[in-house]
Amino acid sequence: MACINRTQNEIRPVSPATRRALTISRDLQILVTMMQSSCVSLADLRRGEHAILTAIDLPAGDAQRLMELGFLPGALVTAGLSAPGGGPRIFHVDGSEIALRADTSARLSAKPGER
């Protein structure tokens, strides 16, 4: 593998350590892209769709409260009814029905299509 110095248009060999680092970096970028493309927010789910919760991107206090209600990573979540005008939406999790605002459900990531 060679590296091109664009300012001087010269080609220099790349050390094995640099080649490994570049490969690991590329592999991580591919993995992150795959994970991001396969995850959606709970706000994106349609009524009746199921998903496995993967991440909660909320302040610690809010995240703690949702986890106490059953929104734990790995939990099966089913989208339910929503209020008219884009109000809170009901999600079924761990045998309970819990209403979440759109801005809160948008910050919960899930892997769709699971049952």
PDB file of N, CA and C in Angstrom:
ATOM      1  N   MET A   1       0.852  -1.173   0.000  1.00  0.00           N
ATOM      2  CA  MET A   1       0.000   0.000   0.000  1.00  0.00           C
ATOM      3  C   MET A   1       0.894   1.231   0.000  1.00  0.00           C
ATOM      4  N   ALA A   2       0.480   2.245  -0.710  1.00  0.00           N
ATOM      5  CA  ALA A   2       1.267   3.470  -0.791  1.00  0.00           C
ATOM      6  C   ALA A   2       0.397   4.645  -0.398  1.00  0.00           C
ATOM      7  N   CYS A   3       1.062   5.703  -0.005  1.00  0.00           N
ATOM      8  CA  CYS A   3       0.369   6.915   0.414  1.00  0.00           C
ATOM      9  C   CYS A   3       0.787   8.041  -0.528  1.00  0.00           C
ATOM     10  N   ILE A   4      -0.168   8.813  -1.003  1.00  0.00           N
ATOM     11  CA  ILE A   4       0.145   9.914  -1.907  1.00  0.00           C
ATOM     12  C   ILE A   4       0.131  11.212  -1.117  1.00  0.00           C
ATOM     13  N   ASN A   5       1.239  11.931  -1.172  1.00  0.00           N
ATOM     14  CA  ASN A   5       1.326  13.251  -0.565  1.00  0.00           C
ATOM     15  C   ASN A   5       0.792  14.231  -1.597  1.00  0.00           C
ATOM     16  N   ARG A   6      -0.394  14.750  -1.407  1.00  0.00           N
ATOM     17  CA  ARG A   6      -1.050  15.564  -2.426  1.00  0.00           C
ATOM     18  C   ARG A   6      -0.362  16.908  -2.663  1.00  0.00           C
ATOM     19  N   THR A   7       0.322  17.432  -1.664  1.00  0.00           N
ATOM     20  CA  THR A   7       0.975  18.733  -1.853  1.00  0.00           C
ATOM     21  C   THR A   7       2.207  18.624  -2.739  1.00  0.00           C
ATOM     22  N   GLN A   8       2.920  17.501  -2.671  1.00  0.00           N
ATOM     23  CA  GLN A   8       4.142  17.345  -3.461  1.00  0.00           C
ATOM     24  C   GLN A   8       3.996  16.269  -4.535  1.00  0.00           C
ATOM     25  N   ASN A   9       2.811  15.658  -4.650  1.00  0.00           N
ATOM     26  CA  ASN A   9       2.551  14.601  -5.631  1.00  0.00           C
ATOM     27  C   ASN A   9       3.602  13.495  -5.611  1.00  0.00           C
ATOM     28  N   GLU A  10       3.989  13.084  -4.431  1.00  0.00           N
ATOM     29  CA  GLU A  10       4.947  11.985  -4.318  1.00  0.00           C
ATOM     30  C   GLU A  10       4.272  10.789  -3.660  1.00  0.00           C
ATOM     31  N   ILE A  11       4.773   9.614  -3.973  1.00  0.00           N
ATOM     32  CA  ILE A  11       4.231   8.386  -3.413  1.00  0.00           C
ATOM     33  C   ILE A  11       5.259   7.814  -2.454  1.00  0.00           C
ATOM     34  N   ARG A  12       4.805   7.561  -1.205  1.00  0.00           N
ATOM     35  CA  ARG A  12       5.680   6.996  -0.178  1.00  0.00           C
ATOM     36  C   ARG A  12       5.055   5.714   0.348  1.00  0.00           C
ATOM     37  N   PRO A  13       5.854   4.727   0.696  1.00  0.00           N
ATOM     38  CA  PRO A  13       5.285   3.499   1.268  1.00  0.00           C
ATOM     39  C   PRO A  13       4.708   3.769   2.658  1.00  0.00           C
ATOM     40  N   VAL A  14       3.693   2.999   2.996  1.00  0.00           N
ATOM     41  CA  VAL A  14       3.049   3.111   4.304  1.00  0.00           C
ATOM     42  C   VAL A  14       3.545   1.957   5.171  1.00  0.00           C
ATOM     43  N   SER A  15       3.853   2.272   6.419  1.00  0.00           N
ATOM     44  CA  SER A  15       4.352   1.235   7.327  1.00  0.00           C
ATOM     45  C   SER A  15       3.244   0.232   7.645  1.00  0.00           C
ATOM     46  N   PRO A  16       3.613  -0.996   8.029  1.00  0.00           N
ATOM     47  CA  PRO A  16       2.595  -1.993   8.399  1.00  0.00           C
ATOM     48  C   PRO A  16       1.699  -1.522   9.539  1.00  0.00           C
ATOM     49  N   ALA A  17       2.268  -0.809  10.524  1.00  0.00           N
ATOM     50  CA  ALA A  17       1.457  -0.314  11.646  1.00  0.00           C
ATOM     51  C   ALA A  17       0.422   0.696  11.158  1.00  0.00           C
ATOM     52  N   THR A  18       0.822   1.577  10.251  1.00  0.00           N
ATOM     53  CA  THR A  18      -0.115   2.554   9.708  1.00  0.00           C
ATOM     54  C   THR A  18      -1.181   1.858   8.880  1.00  0.00           C
ATOM     55  N   ARG A  19      -0.783   0.834   8.101  1.00  0.00           N
ATOM     56  CA  ARG A  19      -1.731   0.083   7.289  1.00  0.00           C
ATOM     57  C   ARG A  19      -2.774  -0.592   8.181  1.00  0.00           C
ATOM     58  N   ARG A  20      -2.340  -1.194   9.317  1.00  0.00           N
ATOM     59  CA  ARG A  20      -3.288  -1.826  10.255  1.00  0.00           C
ATOM     60  C   ARG A  20      -4.233  -0.793  10.846  1.00  0.00           C
ATOM     61  N   ALA A  21      -3.681   0.380  11.216  1.00  0.00           N
ATOM     62  CA  ALA A  21      -4.514   1.426  11.798  1.00  0.00           C
ATOM     63  C   ALA A  21      -5.554   1.903  10.787  1.00  0.00           C
ATOM     64  N   LEU A  22      -5.140   2.055   9.530  1.00  0.00           N
ATOM     65  CA  LEU A  22      -6.078   2.486   8.498  1.00  0.00           C
ATOM     66  C   LEU A  22      -7.160   1.432   8.269  1.00  0.00           C
ATOM     67  N   THR A  23      -6.788   0.169   8.293  1.00  0.00           N
ATOM     68  CA  THR A  23      -7.744  -0.917   8.109  1.00  0.00           C
ATOM     69  C   THR A  23      -8.739  -0.961   9.250  1.00  0.00           C
ATOM     70  N   ILE A  24      -8.242  -0.826  10.486  1.00  0.00           N
ATOM     71  CA  ILE A  24      -9.136  -0.824  11.655  1.00  0.00           C
ATOM     72  C   ILE A  24     -10.070   0.368  11.592  1.00  0.00           C
ATOM     73  N   SER A  25      -9.530   1.534  11.239  1.00  0.00           N
ATOM     74  CA  SER A  25     -10.355   2.730  11.143  1.00  0.00           C
ATOM     75  C   SER A  25     -11.442   2.548  10.077  1.00  0.00           C
ATOM     76  N   ARG A  26     -11.096   2.007   8.928  1.00  0.00           N
ATOM     77  CA  ARG A  26     -12.057   1.771   7.855  1.00  0.00           C
ATOM     78  C   ARG A  26     -13.113   0.768   8.298  1.00  0.00           C
ATOM     79  N   ASP A  27     -12.685  -0.312   8.977  1.00  0.00           N
ATOM     80  CA  ASP A  27     -13.630  -1.317   9.459  1.00  0.00           C
ATOM     81  C   ASP A  27     -14.598  -0.727  10.474  1.00  0.00           C
ATOM     82  N   LEU A  28     -14.105   0.128  11.349  1.00  0.00           N
ATOM     83  CA  LEU A  28     -14.971   0.774  12.336  1.00  0.00           C
ATOM     84  C   LEU A  28     -15.974   1.695  11.655  1.00  0.00           C
ATOM     85  N   GLN A  29     -15.517   2.426  10.633  1.00  0.00           N
ATOM     86  CA  GLN A  29     -16.432   3.305   9.910  1.00  0.00           C
ATOM     87  C   GLN A  29     -17.534   2.495   9.236  1.00  0.00           C
ATOM     88  N   ILE A  30     -17.193   1.357   8.656  1.00  0.00           N
ATOM     89  CA  ILE A  30     -18.186   0.502   8.018  1.00  0.00           C
ATOM     90  C   ILE A  30     -19.172  -0.025   9.048  1.00  0.00           C
ATOM     91  N   LEU A  31     -18.662  -0.466  10.218  1.00  0.00           N
ATOM     92  CA  LEU A  31     -19.524  -0.988  11.275  1.00  0.00           C
ATOM     93  C   LEU A  31     -20.474   0.080  11.788  1.00  0.00           C
ATOM     94  N   VAL A  32     -19.969   1.286  12.036  1.00  0.00           N
ATOM     95  CA  VAL A  32     -20.811   2.379  12.523  1.00  0.00           C
ATOM     96  C   VAL A  32     -21.874   2.718  11.487  1.00  0.00           C
ATOM     97  N   THR A  33     -21.497   2.762  10.219  1.00  0.00           N
ATOM     98  CA  THR A  33     -22.462   3.049   9.162  1.00  0.00           C
ATOM     99  C   THR A  33     -23.546   1.988   9.113  1.00  0.00           C
ATOM    100  N   MET A  34     -23.156   0.710   9.226  1.00  0.00           N
ATOM    101  CA  MET A  34     -24.138  -0.368   9.222  1.00  0.00           C
ATOM    102  C   MET A  34     -25.080  -0.257  10.406  1.00  0.00           C
ATOM    103  N   MET A  35     -24.525   0.054  11.579  1.00  0.00           N
ATOM    104  CA  MET A  35     -25.370   0.164  12.770  1.00  0.00           C
ATOM    105  C   MET A  35     -26.320   1.342  12.637  1.00  0.00           C
ATOM    106  N   GLN A  36     -25.828   2.468  12.124  1.00  0.00           N
ATOM    107  CA  GLN A  36     -26.679   3.633  11.992  1.00  0.00           C
ATOM    108  C   GLN A  36     -27.779   3.400  10.968  1.00  0.00           C
ATOM    109  N   SER A  37     -27.439   2.707   9.882  1.00  0.00           N
ATOM    110  CA  SER A  37     -28.443   2.491   8.851  1.00  0.00           C
ATOM    111  C   SER A  37     -29.508   1.491   9.302  1.00  0.00           C
ATOM    112  N   SER A  38     -29.175   0.606  10.226  1.00  0.00           N
ATOM    113  CA  SER A  38     -30.149  -0.388  10.656  1.00  0.00           C
ATOM    114  C   SER A  38     -30.931   0.063  11.888  1.00  0.00           C
ATOM    115  N   CYS A  39     -30.597   1.201  12.452  1.00  0.00           N
ATOM    116  CA  CYS A  39     -31.305   1.703  13.626  1.00  0.00           C
ATOM    117  C   CYS A  39     -32.206   2.870  13.243  1.00  0.00           C
ATOM    118  N   VAL A  40     -33.335   2.933  13.917  1.00  0.00           N
ATOM    119  CA  VAL A  40     -34.276   4.039  13.740  1.00  0.00           C
ATOM    120  C   VAL A  40     -34.634   4.556  15.127  1.00  0.00           C
ATOM    121  N   SER A  41     -35.237   5.711  15.163  1.00  0.00           N
ATOM    122  CA  SER A  41     -35.733   6.192  16.455  1.00  0.00           C
ATOM    123  C   SER A  41     -37.130   5.619  16.671  1.00  0.00           C
ATOM    124  N   LEU A  42     -37.558   5.579  17.913  1.00  0.00           N
ATOM    125  CA  LEU A  42     -38.915   5.083  18.189  1.00  0.00           C
ATOM    126  C   LEU A  42     -39.962   5.964  17.518  1.00  0.00           C
ATOM    127  N   ALA A  43     -39.642   7.232  17.319  1.00  0.00           N
ATOM    128  CA  ALA A  43     -40.575   8.152  16.657  1.00  0.00           C
ATOM    129  C   ALA A  43     -40.836   7.731  15.213  1.00  0.00           C
ATOM    130  N   ASP A  44     -39.909   6.986  14.601  1.00  0.00           N
ATOM    131  CA  ASP A  44     -40.052   6.561  13.210  1.00  0.00           C
ATOM    132  C   ASP A  44     -40.932   5.325  13.035  1.00  0.00           C
ATOM    133  N   LEU A  45     -41.228   4.632  14.120  1.00  0.00           N
ATOM    134  CA  LEU A  45     -42.032   3.414  14.020  1.00  0.00           C
ATOM    135  C   LEU A  45     -43.493   3.755  13.726  1.00  0.00           C
ATOM    136  N   ARG A  46     -44.117   2.926  12.902  1.00  0.00           N
ATOM    137  CA  ARG A  46     -45.552   3.067  12.642  1.00  0.00           C
ATOM    138  C   ARG A  46     -46.330   2.231  13.646  1.00  0.00           C
ATOM    139  N   ARG A  47     -47.609   2.512  13.732  1.00  0.00           N
ATOM    140  CA  ARG A  47     -48.462   1.785  14.669  1.00  0.00           C
ATOM    141  C   ARG A  47     -48.377   0.281  14.403  1.00  0.00           C
ATOM    142  N   GLY A  48     -48.102  -0.482  15.461  1.00  0.00           N
ATOM    143  CA  GLY A  48     -48.026  -1.927  15.365  1.00  0.00           C
ATOM    144  C   GLY A  48     -46.644  -2.471  15.052  1.00  0.00           C
ATOM    145  N   GLU A  49     -45.701  -1.621  14.660  1.00  0.00           N
ATOM    146  CA  GLU A  49     -44.350  -2.097  14.366  1.00  0.00           C
ATOM    147  C   GLU A  49     -43.590  -2.375  15.659  1.00  0.00           C
ATOM    148  N   HIS A  50     -42.739  -3.393  15.597  1.00  0.00           N
ATOM    149  CA  HIS A  50     -41.941  -3.797  16.754  1.00  0.00           C
ATOM    150  C   HIS A  50     -40.483  -3.440  16.504  1.00  0.00           C
ATOM    151  N   ALA A  51     -39.748  -3.213  17.592  1.00  0.00           N
ATOM    152  CA  ALA A  51     -38.314  -2.955  17.492  1.00  0.00           C
ATOM    153  C   ALA A  51     -37.663  -3.298  18.828  1.00  0.00           C
ATOM    154  N   ILE A  52     -36.363  -3.562  18.764  1.00  0.00           N
ATOM    155  CA  ILE A  52     -35.570  -3.812  19.966  1.00  0.00           C
ATOM    156  C   ILE A  52     -34.829  -2.535  20.311  1.00  0.00           C
ATOM    157  N   LEU A  53     -35.025  -2.028  21.496  1.00  0.00           N
ATOM    158  CA  LEU A  53     -34.365  -0.795  21.926  1.00  0.00           C
ATOM    159  C   LEU A  53     -32.860  -1.015  22.005  1.00  0.00           C
ATOM    160  N   THR A  54     -32.091  -0.116  21.391  1.00  0.00           N
ATOM    161  CA  THR A  54     -30.634  -0.252  21.377  1.00  0.00           C
ATOM    162  C   THR A  54     -29.913   0.836  22.152  1.00  0.00           C
ATOM    163  N   ALA A  55     -30.473   2.042  22.207  1.00  0.00           N
ATOM    164  CA  ALA A  55     -29.765   3.139  22.889  1.00  0.00           C
ATOM    165  C   ALA A  55     -30.746   4.205  23.351  1.00  0.00           C
ATOM    166  N   ILE A  56     -30.362   4.882  24.435  1.00  0.00           N
ATOM    167  CA  ILE A  56     -31.134   6.003  24.975  1.00  0.00           C
ATOM    168  C   ILE A  56     -30.212   7.206  25.011  1.00  0.00           C
ATOM    169  N   ASP A  57     -30.547   8.242  24.251  1.00  0.00           N
ATOM    170  CA  ASP A  57     -29.724   9.444  24.172  1.00  0.00           C
ATOM    171  C   ASP A  57     -30.444  10.598  24.875  1.00  0.00           C
ATOM    172  N   LEU A  58     -30.513  10.491  26.189  1.00  0.00           N
ATOM    173  CA  LEU A  58     -31.194  11.494  27.014  1.00  0.00           C
ATOM    174  C   LEU A  58     -30.332  11.824  28.221  1.00  0.00           C
ATOM    175  N   PRO A  59     -30.605  12.953  28.883  1.00  0.00           N
ATOM    176  CA  PRO A  59     -29.892  13.230  30.138  1.00  0.00           C
ATOM    177  C   PRO A  59     -30.086  12.098  31.136  1.00  0.00           C
ATOM    178  N   ALA A  60     -29.135  11.932  32.020  1.00  0.00           N
ATOM    179  CA  ALA A  60     -29.114  10.796  32.951  1.00  0.00           C
ATOM    180  C   ALA A  60     -30.423  10.616  33.717  1.00  0.00           C
ATOM    181  N   GLY A  61     -30.989  11.678  34.220  1.00  0.00           N
ATOM    182  CA  GLY A  61     -32.226  11.581  34.999  1.00  0.00           C
ATOM    183  C   GLY A  61     -33.392  11.070  34.172  1.00  0.00           C
ATOM    184  N   ASP A  62     -33.525  11.600  32.962  1.00  0.00           N
ATOM    185  CA  ASP A  62     -34.602  11.156  32.074  1.00  0.00           C
ATOM    186  C   ASP A  62     -34.401   9.705  31.649  1.00  0.00           C
ATOM    187  N   ALA A  63     -33.154   9.363  31.321  1.00  0.00           N
ATOM    188  CA  ALA A  63     -32.851   7.993  30.915  1.00  0.00           C
ATOM    189  C   ALA A  63     -33.134   7.015  32.052  1.00  0.00           C
ATOM    190  N   GLN A  64     -32.772   7.398  33.268  1.00  0.00           N
ATOM    191  CA  GLN A  64     -33.008   6.546  34.434  1.00  0.00           C
ATOM    192  C   GLN A  64     -34.500   6.288  34.619  1.00  0.00           C
ATOM    193  N   ARG A  65     -35.315   7.318  34.488  1.00  0.00           N
ATOM    194  CA  ARG A  65     -36.760   7.164  34.659  1.00  0.00           C
ATOM    195  C   ARG A  65     -37.347   6.242  33.590  1.00  0.00           C
ATOM    196  N   LEU A  66     -36.912   6.408  32.339  1.00  0.00           N
ATOM    197  CA  LEU A  66     -37.406   5.531  31.285  1.00  0.00           C
ATOM    198  C   LEU A  66     -36.980   4.085  31.520  1.00  0.00           C
ATOM    199  N   MET A  67     -35.768   3.893  32.015  1.00  0.00           N
ATOM    200  CA  MET A  67     -35.310   2.535  32.302  1.00  0.00           C
ATOM    201  C   MET A  67     -36.122   1.916  33.430  1.00  0.00           C
ATOM    202  N   GLU A  68     -36.520   2.716  34.409  1.00  0.00           N
ATOM    203  CA  GLU A  68     -37.371   2.216  35.488  1.00  0.00           C
ATOM    204  C   GLU A  68     -38.740   1.788  34.953  1.00  0.00           C
ATOM    205  N   LEU A  69     -39.179   2.429  33.864  1.00  0.00           N
ATOM    206  CA  LEU A  69     -40.464   2.099  33.259  1.00  0.00           C
ATOM    207  C   LEU A  69     -40.376   0.910  32.295  1.00  0.00           C
ATOM    208  N   GLY A  70     -39.164   0.416  32.046  1.00  0.00           N
ATOM    209  CA  GLY A  70     -38.998  -0.751  31.184  1.00  0.00           C
ATOM    210  C   GLY A  70     -38.274  -0.502  29.881  1.00  0.00           C
ATOM    211  N   PHE A  71     -37.922   0.739  29.576  1.00  0.00           N
ATOM    212  CA  PHE A  71     -37.199   1.052  28.356  1.00  0.00           C
ATOM    213  C   PHE A  71     -35.712   0.762  28.559  1.00  0.00           C
ATOM    214  N   LEU A  72     -35.380  -0.511  28.546  1.00  0.00           N
ATOM    215  CA  LEU A  72     -34.002  -0.952  28.721  1.00  0.00           C
ATOM    216  C   LEU A  72     -33.455  -1.411  27.372  1.00  0.00           C
ATOM    217  N   PRO A  73     -32.155  -1.186  27.116  1.00  0.00           N
ATOM    218  CA  PRO A  73     -31.587  -1.725  25.879  1.00  0.00           C
ATOM    219  C   PRO A  73     -31.852  -3.227  25.796  1.00  0.00           C
ATOM    220  N   GLY A  74     -32.346  -3.661  24.658  1.00  0.00           N
ATOM    221  CA  GLY A  74     -32.703  -5.057  24.459  1.00  0.00           C
ATOM    222  C   GLY A  74     -34.183  -5.336  24.648  1.00  0.00           C
ATOM    223  N   ALA A  75     -34.930  -4.363  25.150  1.00  0.00           N
ATOM    224  CA  ALA A  75     -36.368  -4.548  25.378  1.00  0.00           C
ATOM    225  C   ALA A  75     -37.144  -4.446  24.063  1.00  0.00           C
ATOM    226  N   LEU A  76     -38.164  -5.278  23.921  1.00  0.00           N
ATOM    227  CA  LEU A  76     -39.048  -5.217  22.762  1.00  0.00           C
ATOM    228  C   LEU A  76     -40.043  -4.085  22.962  1.00  0.00           C
ATOM    229  N   VAL A  77     -40.113  -3.179  21.990  1.00  0.00           N
ATOM    230  CA  VAL A  77     -41.011  -2.025  22.056  1.00  0.00           C
ATOM    231  C   VAL A  77     -41.939  -2.087  20.849  1.00  0.00           C
ATOM    232  N   THR A  78     -43.242  -1.871  21.101  1.00  0.00           N
ATOM    233  CA  THR A  78     -44.226  -1.841  20.031  1.00  0.00           C
ATOM    234  C   THR A  78     -44.873  -0.466  20.001  1.00  0.00           C
ATOM    235  N   ALA A  79     -44.917   0.136  18.820  1.00  0.00           N
ATOM    236  CA  ALA A  79     -45.541   1.456  18.674  1.00  0.00           C
ATOM    237  C   ALA A  79     -47.055   1.294  18.695  1.00  0.00           C
ATOM    238  N   GLY A  80     -47.704   2.187  19.422  1.00  0.00           N
ATOM    239  CA  GLY A  80     -49.157   2.151  19.522  1.00  0.00           C
ATOM    240  C   GLY A  80     -49.781   3.411  18.954  1.00  0.00           C
ATOM    241  N   LEU A  81     -50.915   3.772  19.498  1.00  0.00           N
ATOM    242  CA  LEU A  81     -51.654   4.945  19.045  1.00  0.00           C
ATOM    243  C   LEU A  81     -50.914   6.232  19.389  1.00  0.00           C
ATOM    244  N   SER A  82     -51.232   7.279  18.628  1.00  0.00           N
ATOM    245  CA  SER A  82     -50.689   8.595  18.950  1.00  0.00           C
ATOM    246  C   SER A  82     -51.835   9.591  19.027  1.00  0.00           C
ATOM    247  N   ALA A  83     -51.606  10.645  19.788  1.00  0.00           N
ATOM    248  CA  ALA A  83     -52.635  11.671  19.950  1.00  0.00           C
ATOM    249  C   ALA A  83     -52.759  12.479  18.659  1.00  0.00           C
ATOM    250  N   PRO A  84     -53.943  13.020  18.405  1.00  0.00           N
ATOM    251  CA  PRO A  84     -54.118  13.858  17.213  1.00  0.00           C
ATOM    252  C   PRO A  84     -53.171  15.056  17.248  1.00  0.00           C
ATOM    253  N   GLY A  85     -52.731  15.475  16.082  1.00  0.00           N
ATOM    254  CA  GLY A  85     -51.876  16.655  16.005  1.00  0.00           C
ATOM    255  C   GLY A  85     -50.445  16.406  16.419  1.00  0.00           C
ATOM    256  N   GLY A  86     -50.029  15.157  16.461  1.00  0.00           N
ATOM    257  CA  GLY A  86     -48.631  14.864  16.781  1.00  0.00           C
ATOM    258  C   GLY A  86     -48.313  14.908  18.258  1.00  0.00           C
ATOM    259  N   GLY A  87     -49.306  14.718  19.091  1.00  0.00           N
ATOM    260  CA  GLY A  87     -49.080  14.699  20.535  1.00  0.00           C
ATOM    261  C   GLY A  87     -48.355  13.455  20.978  1.00  0.00           C
ATOM    262  N   PRO A  88     -48.420  13.133  22.258  1.00  0.00           N
ATOM    263  CA  PRO A  88     -47.723  11.940  22.763  1.00  0.00           C
ATOM    264  C   PRO A  88     -48.182  10.672  22.057  1.00  0.00           C
ATOM    265  N   ARG A  89     -47.287   9.705  22.034  1.00  0.00           N
ATOM    266  CA  ARG A  89     -47.561   8.418  21.404  1.00  0.00           C
ATOM    267  C   ARG A  89     -47.415   7.314  22.433  1.00  0.00           C
ATOM    268  N   ILE A  90     -48.246   6.304  22.335  1.00  0.00           N
ATOM    269  CA  ILE A  90     -48.178   5.183  23.270  1.00  0.00           C
ATOM    270  C   ILE A  90     -47.229   4.129  22.724  1.00  0.00           C
ATOM    271  N   PHE A  91     -46.376   3.616  23.606  1.00  0.00           N
ATOM    272  CA  PHE A  91     -45.484   2.510  23.282  1.00  0.00           C
ATOM    273  C   PHE A  91     -45.741   1.399  24.287  1.00  0.00           C
ATOM    274  N   HIS A  92     -45.783   0.167  23.794  1.00  0.00           N
ATOM    275  CA  HIS A  92     -45.962  -1.003  24.640  1.00  0.00           C
ATOM    276  C   HIS A  92     -44.583  -1.569  24.931  1.00  0.00           C
ATOM    277  N   VAL A  93     -44.251  -1.640  26.203  1.00  0.00           N
ATOM    278  CA  VAL A  93     -42.957  -2.186  26.607  1.00  0.00           C
ATOM    279  C   VAL A  93     -43.121  -2.905  27.928  1.00  0.00           C
ATOM    280  N   ASP A  94     -42.608  -4.096  28.001  1.00  0.00           N
ATOM    281  CA  ASP A  94     -42.597  -4.875  29.243  1.00  0.00           C
ATOM    282  C   ASP A  94     -43.982  -4.990  29.877  1.00  0.00           C
ATOM    283  N   GLY A  95     -45.014  -5.173  29.044  1.00  0.00           N
ATOM    284  CA  GLY A  95     -46.370  -5.354  29.553  1.00  0.00           C
ATOM    285  C   GLY A  95     -47.079  -4.074  29.949  1.00  0.00           C
ATOM    286  N   SER A  96     -46.469  -2.933  29.710  1.00  0.00           N
ATOM    287  CA  SER A  96     -47.070  -1.642  30.064  1.00  0.00           C
ATOM    288  C   SER A  96     -47.269  -0.790  28.826  1.00  0.00           C
ATOM    289  N   GLU A  97     -48.196   0.156  28.923  1.00  0.00           N
ATOM    290  CA  GLU A  97     -48.395   1.152  27.881  1.00  0.00           C
ATOM    291  C   GLU A  97     -47.906   2.483  28.424  1.00  0.00           C
ATOM    292  N   ILE A  98     -46.949   3.082  27.732  1.00  0.00           N
ATOM    293  CA  ILE A  98     -46.339   4.321  28.205  1.00  0.00           C
ATOM    294  C   ILE A  98     -46.379   5.345  27.092  1.00  0.00           C
ATOM    295  N   ALA A  99     -46.867   6.547  27.396  1.00  0.00           N
ATOM    296  CA  ALA A  99     -46.939   7.627  26.415  1.00  0.00           C
ATOM    297  C   ALA A  99     -45.658   8.452  26.484  1.00  0.00           C
ATOM    298  N   LEU A 100     -45.070   8.696  25.314  1.00  0.00           N
ATOM    299  CA  LEU A 100     -43.860   9.514  25.221  1.00  0.00           C
ATOM    300  C   LEU A 100     -44.081  10.648  24.234  1.00  0.00           C
ATOM    301  N   ARG A 101     -43.521  11.812  24.545  1.00  0.00           N
ATOM    302  CA  ARG A 101     -43.554  12.925  23.599  1.00  0.00           C
ATOM    303  C   ARG A 101     -42.689  12.590  22.393  1.00  0.00           C
ATOM    304  N   ALA A 102     -42.948  13.243  21.284  1.00  0.00           N
ATOM    305  CA  ALA A 102     -42.205  12.989  20.050  1.00  0.00           C
ATOM    306  C   ALA A 102     -40.721  13.284  20.221  1.00  0.00           C
ATOM    307  N   ASP A 103     -40.374  14.363  20.925  1.00  0.00           N
ATOM    308  CA  ASP A 103     -38.955  14.700  21.091  1.00  0.00           C
ATOM    309  C   ASP A 103     -38.228  13.670  21.954  1.00  0.00           C
ATOM    310  N   THR A 104     -38.929  13.054  22.887  1.00  0.00           N
ATOM    311  CA  THR A 104     -38.314  12.009  23.711  1.00  0.00           C
ATOM    312  C   THR A 104     -38.158  10.726  22.911  1.00  0.00           C
ATOM    313  N   SER A 105     -39.208  10.316  22.208  1.00  0.00           N
ATOM    314  CA  SER A 105     -39.126   9.066  21.444  1.00  0.00           C
ATOM    315  C   SER A 105     -38.123   9.170  20.297  1.00  0.00           C
ATOM    316  N   ALA A 106     -37.867  10.373  19.813  1.00  0.00           N
ATOM    317  CA  ALA A 106     -36.888  10.565  18.748  1.00  0.00           C
ATOM    318  C   ALA A 106     -35.462  10.306  19.234  1.00  0.00           C
ATOM    319  N   ARG A 107     -35.253  10.341  20.537  1.00  0.00           N
ATOM    320  CA  ARG A 107     -33.908  10.146  21.089  1.00  0.00           C
ATOM    321  C   ARG A 107     -33.683   8.728  21.611  1.00  0.00           C
ATOM    322  N   LEU A 108     -34.633   7.838  21.316  1.00  0.00           N
ATOM    323  CA  LEU A 108     -34.483   6.430  21.658  1.00  0.00           C
ATOM    324  C   LEU A 108     -34.262   5.650  20.367  1.00  0.00           C
ATOM    325  N   SER A 109     -33.127   4.991  20.242  1.00  0.00           N
ATOM    326  CA  SER A 109     -32.790   4.236  19.034  1.00  0.00           C
ATOM    327  C   SER A 109     -33.192   2.789  19.181  1.00  0.00           C
ATOM    328  N   ALA A 110     -33.604   2.189  18.083  1.00  0.00           N
ATOM    329  CA  ALA A 110     -34.046   0.803  18.098  1.00  0.00           C
ATOM    330  C   ALA A 110     -33.711   0.128  16.781  1.00  0.00           C
ATOM    331  N   LYS A 111     -33.625  -1.205  16.844  1.00  0.00           N
ATOM    332  CA  LYS A 111     -33.428  -2.012  15.644  1.00  0.00           C
ATOM    333  C   LYS A 111     -34.802  -2.506  15.219  1.00  0.00           C
ATOM    334  N   PRO A 112     -35.301  -2.067  14.057  1.00  0.00           N
ATOM    335  CA  PRO A 112     -36.682  -2.385  13.656  1.00  0.00           C
ATOM    336  C   PRO A 112     -36.854  -3.809  13.164  1.00  0.00           C
ATOM    337  N   GLY A 113     -38.121  -4.205  13.105  1.00  0.00           N
ATOM    338  CA  GLY A 113     -38.485  -5.476  12.500  1.00  0.00           C
ATOM    339  C   GLY A 113     -38.282  -6.681  13.373  1.00  0.00           C
ATOM    340  N   GLU A 114     -37.985  -6.534  14.614  1.00  0.00           N
ATOM    341  CA  GLU A 114     -37.776  -7.669  15.519  1.00  0.00           C
ATOM    342  C   GLU A 114     -39.069  -8.010  16.219  1.00  0.00           C
ATOM    343  N   ARG A 115     -39.195  -9.262  16.593  1.00  0.00           N
ATOM    344  CA  ARG A 115     -40.345  -9.667  17.419  1.00  0.00           C
ATOM    345  C   ARG A 115     -39.901 -10.691  18.399  1.00  0.00           C
TER     346      ARG A 115
END
